[in-house]
Amino acid sequence: MTTKKSASSPQEKRIPASVLLTTPLTDSQRRSLRKLAAQAELPPSEIHVGHFYRPIKQRVSIRVDADVLAWFRGRGKRYQTYMNEVLRREMQSRANRP
């Protein structure tokens, strides 16, 4: 009886994160990064959270009035995401004030 060969593709060579994070940049890579940084200078109002920037999420337990929670839950399955958006808008509006 012959053995059956695997149909999966060969694995790519994995590079350890320590090598990726400690390898010095070449001059061309530095120039490319400077060029990108110059293009990316946008006012804070034009930065869209979720497109290129994904903040780290953290679990938290809070107490909220039952009617407030019911109102958010009434918005659908993603009510926690909406709560986060409301809090972020408030945070950003306060950050813009003197």
N, C-alpha and C. Protein backbone atom coordinates (compact mmCIF):
# COMPACT_ATOMS: atom_id res chain seq x y z
N MET A 1 0.85 -1.17 0.00
CA MET A 1 0.00 0.00 0.00
C MET A 1 0.90 1.23 0.00
N THR A 2 0.55 2.21 -0.84
CA THR A 2 1.35 3.43 -0.90
C THR A 2 0.78 4.48 0.04
N THR A 3 1.66 5.34 0.49
CA THR A 3 1.19 6.40 1.39
C THR A 3 0.70 7.58 0.57
N LYS A 4 -0.32 8.20 1.06
CA LYS A 4 -0.92 9.33 0.37
C LYS A 4 -0.18 10.61 0.74
N LYS A 5 0.20 11.39 -0.28
CA LYS A 5 0.89 12.64 -0.01
C LYS A 5 -0.13 13.70 0.40
N SER A 6 0.32 14.60 1.22
CA SER A 6 -0.54 15.68 1.67
C SER A 6 -0.82 16.64 0.51
N ALA A 7 -2.03 17.13 0.45
CA ALA A 7 -2.41 18.05 -0.62
C ALA A 7 -2.18 19.51 -0.24
N SER A 8 -1.75 19.74 0.98
CA SER A 8 -1.57 21.12 1.40
C SER A 8 -0.29 21.70 0.80
N SER A 9 -0.25 23.03 0.72
CA SER A 9 0.91 23.70 0.16
C SER A 9 2.06 23.68 1.16
N PRO A 10 3.29 23.82 0.66
CA PRO A 10 4.42 23.82 1.59
C PRO A 10 4.39 25.05 2.50
N GLN A 11 4.87 24.88 3.71
CA GLN A 11 4.85 25.99 4.66
C GLN A 11 5.90 27.03 4.28
N GLU A 12 5.55 28.28 4.53
CA GLU A 12 6.51 29.34 4.30
C GLU A 12 7.52 29.35 5.44
N LYS A 13 8.70 29.88 5.14
CA LYS A 13 9.71 29.98 6.19
C LYS A 13 9.27 31.03 7.19
N ARG A 14 9.17 30.67 8.44
CA ARG A 14 8.75 31.61 9.47
C ARG A 14 9.96 32.37 10.00
N ILE A 15 9.75 33.67 10.17
CA ILE A 15 10.80 34.53 10.70
C ILE A 15 10.41 34.92 12.11
N PRO A 16 11.27 34.70 13.08
CA PRO A 16 10.94 35.07 14.46
C PRO A 16 10.74 36.57 14.59
N ALA A 17 9.84 36.97 15.47
CA ALA A 17 9.56 38.38 15.70
C ALA A 17 10.80 39.12 16.16
N SER A 18 11.66 38.46 16.93
CA SER A 18 12.87 39.12 17.43
C SER A 18 13.76 39.55 16.27
N VAL A 19 13.78 38.78 15.20
CA VAL A 19 14.58 39.16 14.03
C VAL A 19 13.92 40.33 13.30
N LEU A 20 12.61 40.29 13.17
CA LEU A 20 11.91 41.37 12.47
C LEU A 20 12.04 42.70 13.20
N LEU A 21 11.99 42.66 14.52
CA LEU A 21 11.98 43.89 15.30
C LEU A 21 13.37 44.43 15.60
N THR A 22 14.40 43.64 15.41
CA THR A 22 15.76 44.11 15.73
C THR A 22 16.63 44.29 14.49
N THR A 23 16.15 43.92 13.32
CA THR A 23 16.94 44.09 12.11
C THR A 23 16.93 45.56 11.72
N PRO A 24 18.11 46.17 11.52
CA PRO A 24 18.15 47.59 11.16
C PRO A 24 17.54 47.83 9.78
N LEU A 25 16.95 49.01 9.62
CA LEU A 25 16.34 49.38 8.34
C LEU A 25 17.42 49.79 7.34
N THR A 26 17.16 49.52 6.07
CA THR A 26 18.06 49.97 5.02
C THR A 26 17.76 51.44 4.72
N ASP A 27 18.64 52.09 4.00
CA ASP A 27 18.44 53.50 3.64
C ASP A 27 17.17 53.68 2.81
N SER A 28 16.93 52.77 1.87
CA SER A 28 15.73 52.89 1.04
C SER A 28 14.46 52.70 1.86
N GLN A 29 14.50 51.81 2.86
CA GLN A 29 13.34 51.63 3.73
C GLN A 29 13.09 52.89 4.57
N ARG A 30 14.17 53.51 5.05
CA ARG A 30 14.03 54.76 5.81
C ARG A 30 13.42 55.86 4.95
N ARG A 31 13.90 55.98 3.70
CA ARG A 31 13.36 57.00 2.79
C ARG A 31 11.86 56.76 2.54
N SER A 32 11.50 55.50 2.34
CA SER A 32 10.09 55.16 2.10
C SER A 32 9.24 55.52 3.31
N LEU A 33 9.74 55.23 4.50
CA LEU A 33 8.99 55.55 5.71
C LEU A 33 8.84 57.06 5.90
N ARG A 34 9.91 57.83 5.61
CA ARG A 34 9.82 59.29 5.71
C ARG A 34 8.80 59.84 4.72
N LYS A 35 8.80 59.29 3.52
CA LYS A 35 7.85 59.73 2.49
C LYS A 35 6.41 59.45 2.93
N LEU A 36 6.18 58.26 3.48
CA LEU A 36 4.84 57.91 3.97
C LEU A 36 4.43 58.79 5.14
N ALA A 37 5.37 59.07 6.04
CA ALA A 37 5.06 59.90 7.21
C ALA A 37 4.69 61.31 6.77
N ALA A 38 5.36 61.83 5.75
CA ALA A 38 5.05 63.18 5.26
C ALA A 38 3.66 63.22 4.64
N GLN A 39 3.28 62.16 3.97
CA GLN A 39 1.95 62.10 3.34
C GLN A 39 0.85 61.90 4.38
N ALA A 40 1.17 61.26 5.49
CA ALA A 40 0.17 60.86 6.47
C ALA A 40 -0.14 61.94 7.49
N GLU A 41 0.44 63.12 7.38
CA GLU A 41 0.18 64.17 8.36
C GLU A 41 -1.20 64.75 8.12
N LEU A 42 -2.17 64.22 8.81
CA LEU A 42 -3.56 64.66 8.71
C LEU A 42 -3.98 65.30 10.02
N PRO A 43 -4.89 66.25 9.95
CA PRO A 43 -5.43 66.77 11.21
C PRO A 43 -6.16 65.65 11.94
N PRO A 44 -6.22 65.69 13.28
CA PRO A 44 -6.85 64.61 14.04
C PRO A 44 -8.28 64.32 13.61
N SER A 45 -9.00 65.30 13.09
CA SER A 45 -10.39 65.06 12.70
C SER A 45 -10.49 64.16 11.48
N GLU A 46 -9.40 64.04 10.70
CA GLU A 46 -9.45 63.22 9.49
C GLU A 46 -8.93 61.80 9.71
N ILE A 47 -8.47 61.49 10.91
CA ILE A 47 -8.01 60.14 11.21
C ILE A 47 -9.22 59.28 11.52
N HIS A 48 -9.36 58.19 10.81
CA HIS A 48 -10.51 57.31 10.98
C HIS A 48 -10.11 56.08 11.78
N VAL A 49 -10.61 55.98 12.97
CA VAL A 49 -10.34 54.82 13.80
C VAL A 49 -11.00 53.61 13.15
N GLY A 50 -10.25 52.53 13.05
CA GLY A 50 -10.78 51.31 12.46
C GLY A 50 -10.30 51.06 11.05
N HIS A 51 -9.81 52.08 10.35
CA HIS A 51 -9.30 51.86 9.00
C HIS A 51 -7.86 51.38 9.05
N PHE A 52 -6.99 52.15 9.67
CA PHE A 52 -5.59 51.76 9.79
C PHE A 52 -5.17 51.64 11.24
N TYR A 53 -5.89 52.29 12.12
CA TYR A 53 -5.55 52.29 13.54
C TYR A 53 -6.59 51.49 14.29
N ARG A 54 -6.16 50.46 14.95
CA ARG A 54 -7.06 49.65 15.76
C ARG A 54 -6.59 49.70 17.20
N PRO A 55 -7.31 50.42 18.06
CA PRO A 55 -6.89 50.48 19.45
C PRO A 55 -7.00 49.13 20.13
N ILE A 56 -6.20 48.94 21.13
CA ILE A 56 -6.23 47.70 21.90
C ILE A 56 -7.49 47.71 22.76
N LYS A 57 -8.23 46.64 22.72
CA LYS A 57 -9.45 46.52 23.52
C LYS A 57 -9.09 45.97 24.90
N GLN A 58 -9.83 46.42 25.89
CA GLN A 58 -9.60 45.95 27.25
C GLN A 58 -10.95 45.64 27.88
N ARG A 59 -11.02 44.48 28.51
CA ARG A 59 -12.25 44.10 29.21
C ARG A 59 -12.42 44.95 30.45
N VAL A 60 -13.66 45.38 30.67
CA VAL A 60 -13.94 46.19 31.85
C VAL A 60 -15.36 45.88 32.31
N SER A 61 -15.57 45.99 33.58
CA SER A 61 -16.90 45.79 34.14
C SER A 61 -17.36 47.12 34.71
N ILE A 62 -18.50 47.62 34.23
CA ILE A 62 -19.01 48.90 34.73
C ILE A 62 -20.47 48.74 35.13
N ARG A 63 -20.91 49.64 35.97
CA ARG A 63 -22.32 49.67 36.36
C ARG A 63 -22.98 50.80 35.59
N VAL A 64 -24.07 50.46 34.90
CA VAL A 64 -24.81 51.42 34.09
C VAL A 64 -26.27 51.33 34.50
N ASP A 65 -26.95 52.47 34.49
CA ASP A 65 -28.38 52.46 34.80
C ASP A 65 -29.11 51.53 33.84
N ALA A 66 -30.12 50.82 34.36
CA ALA A 66 -30.84 49.83 33.56
C ALA A 66 -31.48 50.44 32.32
N ASP A 67 -32.04 51.65 32.43
CA ASP A 67 -32.68 52.27 31.28
C ASP A 67 -31.66 52.66 30.20
N VAL A 68 -30.46 53.06 30.62
CA VAL A 68 -29.41 53.40 29.66
C VAL A 68 -28.97 52.15 28.92
N LEU A 69 -28.75 51.07 29.65
CA LEU A 69 -28.35 49.81 29.03
C LEU A 69 -29.43 49.30 28.08
N ALA A 70 -30.69 49.40 28.49
CA ALA A 70 -31.80 48.96 27.63
C ALA A 70 -31.83 49.77 26.34
N TRP A 71 -31.54 51.07 26.44
CA TRP A 71 -31.54 51.93 25.24
C TRP A 71 -30.43 51.51 24.28
N PHE A 72 -29.23 51.26 24.82
CA PHE A 72 -28.13 50.82 23.97
C PHE A 72 -28.41 49.44 23.38
N ARG A 73 -28.94 48.52 24.19
CA ARG A 73 -29.25 47.18 23.68
C ARG A 73 -30.32 47.22 22.61
N GLY A 74 -31.20 48.21 22.68
CA GLY A 74 -32.25 48.36 21.67
C GLY A 74 -31.70 48.70 20.30
N ARG A 75 -30.47 49.10 20.23
CA ARG A 75 -29.84 49.46 18.95
C ARG A 75 -29.38 48.23 18.18
N GLY A 76 -29.36 47.06 18.82
CA GLY A 76 -28.99 45.84 18.10
C GLY A 76 -27.85 45.09 18.75
N LYS A 77 -27.37 44.07 18.04
CA LYS A 77 -26.35 43.16 18.57
C LYS A 77 -25.04 43.87 18.90
N ARG A 78 -24.70 44.91 18.16
CA ARG A 78 -23.41 45.57 18.36
C ARG A 78 -23.52 46.76 19.30
N TYR A 79 -24.36 46.64 20.32
CA TYR A 79 -24.58 47.77 21.21
C TYR A 79 -23.32 48.16 21.98
N GLN A 80 -22.46 47.18 22.29
CA GLN A 80 -21.22 47.51 23.01
C GLN A 80 -20.28 48.33 22.13
N THR A 81 -20.23 48.02 20.85
CA THR A 81 -19.43 48.81 19.91
C THR A 81 -19.97 50.22 19.84
N TYR A 82 -21.28 50.35 19.81
CA TYR A 82 -21.89 51.68 19.76
C TYR A 82 -21.60 52.46 21.05
N MET A 83 -21.63 51.79 22.19
CA MET A 83 -21.30 52.44 23.46
C MET A 83 -19.86 52.97 23.41
N ASN A 84 -18.97 52.17 22.85
CA ASN A 84 -17.57 52.58 22.72
C ASN A 84 -17.46 53.81 21.82
N GLU A 85 -18.21 53.83 20.71
CA GLU A 85 -18.18 54.97 19.79
C GLU A 85 -18.68 56.24 20.47
N VAL A 86 -19.74 56.12 21.25
CA VAL A 86 -20.28 57.28 21.97
C VAL A 86 -19.25 57.81 22.96
N LEU A 87 -18.62 56.92 23.71
CA LEU A 87 -17.60 57.33 24.67
C LEU A 87 -16.39 57.96 23.96
N ARG A 88 -16.00 57.41 22.82
CA ARG A 88 -14.88 57.97 22.06
C ARG A 88 -15.19 59.37 21.55
N ARG A 89 -16.41 59.57 21.03
CA ARG A 89 -16.80 60.91 20.55
C ARG A 89 -16.75 61.92 21.69
N GLU A 90 -17.23 61.53 22.86
CA GLU A 90 -17.20 62.42 24.02
C GLU A 90 -15.76 62.73 24.42
N MET A 91 -14.91 61.70 24.42
CA MET A 91 -13.51 61.89 24.78
C MET A 91 -12.83 62.85 23.80
N GLN A 92 -13.09 62.68 22.50
CA GLN A 92 -12.47 63.53 21.50
C GLN A 92 -13.00 64.95 21.56
N SER A 93 -14.26 65.12 21.86
CA SER A 93 -14.81 66.48 21.95
C SER A 93 -14.22 67.22 23.15
N ARG A 94 -13.96 66.51 24.23
CA ARG A 94 -13.33 67.13 25.40
C ARG A 94 -11.86 67.42 25.16
N ALA A 95 -11.20 66.60 24.35
CA ALA A 95 -9.77 66.80 24.06
C ALA A 95 -9.58 68.05 23.21
N ASN A 96 -10.57 68.42 22.39
CA ASN A 96 -10.46 69.58 21.51
C ASN A 96 -10.74 70.89 22.26
N ARG A 97 -11.30 70.80 23.45
CA ARG A 97 -11.59 72.01 24.24
C ARG A 97 -10.35 72.47 24.97
N PRO A 98 -10.23 73.79 25.17
CA PRO A 98 -9.04 74.29 25.90
C PRO A 98 -9.09 74.01 27.38
